[in-house]
Amino acid sequence: MIEKLKQVDRGFEDPSGCFWESPDAYLFTGVLPSCCCGDPASIGRYVRDMLRKHVKQTGTDAPDVWPDNKYEDLPTMFFLSWADDKGYIEHGTTIRCSWMTSEGDELLRDLDIILGKD
């Protein structure tokens, strides 16, 4: 995502021709559901941390499932539904056992670049 930005004298241009002040602004506003007011980095950290919990285990077909994914956990279920709708994760019989798509891998990589790997 952020590697598709072109640095120009006005800032950064995305593939659609929109200009952004920084890669952070593009990621937090153009990709994630934030208007960039308040604390968009916290939204980015939440999305990054949730995506990290759905990275496939290397060498297996089973996803690395976060053990606390419960249907009663509404924030998690909301996140999973949003991430599935955006194409960042896929799932089989239950959304709790989701795994990341290549788009999710790309978003996680970009969030790690912007936010650091803390």
Protein backbone atom coordinates (compact mmCIF):
# COMPACT_ATOMS: atom_id res chain seq x y z
CA MET A 1 0.00 0.00 0.00
CA ILE A 2 2.47 2.66 1.09
CA GLU A 3 5.05 1.44 -1.42
CA LYS A 4 2.62 2.53 -4.16
CA LEU A 5 2.86 6.17 -2.98
CA LYS A 6 5.01 8.46 -5.13
CA GLN A 7 6.86 11.22 -3.32
CA VAL A 8 6.25 14.53 -5.07
CA ASP A 9 6.88 18.14 -4.09
CA ARG A 10 3.32 18.41 -2.69
CA GLY A 11 3.76 15.37 -0.45
CA PHE A 12 2.80 11.84 -1.52
CA GLU A 13 0.53 10.86 -4.40
CA ASP A 14 -1.49 7.63 -4.21
CA PRO A 15 -2.39 5.50 -7.27
CA SER A 16 -5.75 7.29 -7.61
CA GLY A 17 -4.05 10.71 -7.88
CA CYS A 18 -4.89 11.95 -4.35
CA PHE A 19 -2.18 13.79 -2.44
CA TRP A 20 -1.27 13.03 1.16
CA GLU A 21 0.93 14.90 3.61
CA SER A 22 2.68 11.70 4.69
CA PRO A 23 2.50 7.92 4.37
CA ASP A 24 1.00 7.94 7.89
CA ALA A 25 -1.87 10.19 6.81
CA TYR A 26 -2.55 7.96 3.79
CA LEU A 27 -2.53 4.76 5.83
CA PHE A 28 -4.61 6.11 8.73
CA THR A 29 -7.12 8.03 6.59
CA GLY A 30 -7.03 6.52 3.11
CA VAL A 31 -6.88 2.87 4.19
CA LEU A 32 -8.07 2.63 7.80
CA PRO A 33 -11.38 3.98 9.11
CA SER A 34 -10.07 7.18 10.65
CA CYS A 35 -10.56 10.85 9.85
CA CYS A 36 -7.08 11.45 11.31
CA CYS A 37 -8.34 13.49 14.25
CA GLY A 38 -8.14 12.19 17.79
CA ASP A 39 -5.51 9.46 17.95
CA PRO A 40 -5.33 7.66 14.57
CA ALA A 41 -2.08 5.91 15.57
CA SER A 42 -4.03 4.10 18.31
CA ILE A 43 -6.51 2.86 15.71
CA GLY A 44 -3.54 1.73 13.63
CA ARG A 45 -2.03 -0.11 16.60
CA TYR A 46 -5.36 -1.85 17.30
CA VAL A 47 -5.71 -2.99 13.69
CA ARG A 48 -2.06 -4.08 13.58
CA ASP A 49 -2.37 -6.06 16.82
CA MET A 50 -5.57 -7.74 15.66
CA LEU A 51 -4.05 -8.64 12.28
CA ARG A 52 -0.99 -10.11 14.00
CA LYS A 53 -3.33 -12.53 15.79
CA HIS A 54 -4.44 -13.95 12.44
CA VAL A 55 -1.11 -14.66 10.80
CA LYS A 56 -0.89 -18.21 9.46
CA GLN A 57 1.50 -20.56 11.21
CA THR A 58 4.47 -21.17 8.94
CA GLY A 59 4.31 -24.50 7.14
CA THR A 60 0.72 -25.36 8.11
CA ASP A 61 -2.76 -24.81 6.75
CA ALA A 62 -4.05 -23.84 10.19
CA PRO A 63 -4.25 -20.18 11.14
CA ASP A 64 -2.59 -18.92 14.28
CA VAL A 65 -5.88 -18.32 16.10
CA TRP A 66 -5.97 -15.92 19.01
CA PRO A 67 -7.29 -18.04 21.91
CA ASP A 68 -9.49 -15.23 23.25
CA ASN A 69 -11.58 -14.88 20.07
CA LYS A 70 -15.01 -15.45 21.54
CA TYR A 71 -18.35 -14.61 20.05
CA GLU A 72 -19.09 -12.67 23.24
CA ASP A 73 -16.13 -10.38 22.53
CA LEU A 74 -17.95 -7.71 20.51
CA PRO A 75 -14.88 -5.54 19.67
CA THR A 76 -13.11 -8.61 18.26
CA MET A 77 -16.17 -9.69 16.30
CA PHE A 78 -16.61 -6.16 14.93
CA PHE A 79 -12.96 -6.07 13.88
CA LEU A 80 -13.16 -9.49 12.22
CA SER A 81 -16.31 -8.52 10.32
CA TRP A 82 -14.68 -5.25 9.18
CA ALA A 83 -11.42 -6.97 8.19
CA ASP A 84 -13.32 -9.68 6.30
CA ASP A 85 -15.43 -7.06 4.48
CA LYS A 86 -12.27 -5.18 3.44
CA GLY A 87 -10.56 -8.37 2.28
CA TYR A 88 -7.80 -8.35 4.91
CA ILE A 89 -8.82 -11.77 6.26
CA GLU A 90 -10.72 -14.83 5.03
CA HIS A 91 -12.48 -17.53 6.96
CA GLY A 92 -14.03 -20.93 6.52
CA THR A 93 -16.90 -22.09 8.70
CA THR A 94 -16.39 -19.46 11.42
CA ILE A 95 -14.95 -15.96 11.35
CA ARG A 96 -13.21 -16.66 14.68
CA CYS A 97 -10.76 -18.90 12.84
CA SER A 98 -9.81 -16.39 10.18
CA TRP A 99 -6.50 -16.13 8.38
CA MET A 100 -4.92 -13.19 6.64
CA THR A 101 -5.03 -12.56 2.92
CA SER A 102 -2.17 -11.05 0.95
CA GLU A 103 -3.90 -7.66 1.41
CA GLY A 104 -3.89 -8.24 5.19
CA ASP A 105 -0.20 -9.16 5.05
CA GLU A 106 0.47 -5.94 3.14
CA LEU A 107 -1.52 -3.83 5.61
CA LEU A 108 0.24 -5.43 8.59
CA ARG A 109 3.63 -4.80 6.99
CA ASP A 110 2.73 -1.15 6.39
CA LEU A 111 1.45 -0.70 9.93
CA ASP A 112 4.71 -2.20 11.24
CA ILE A 113 6.65 0.29 9.10
CA ILE A 114 4.59 3.30 10.21
CA LEU A 115 4.13 2.32 13.87
CA GLY A 116 7.30 0.36 14.46
CA LYS A 117 7.41 -3.23 15.63
CA ASP A 118 6.63 -2.53 19.32
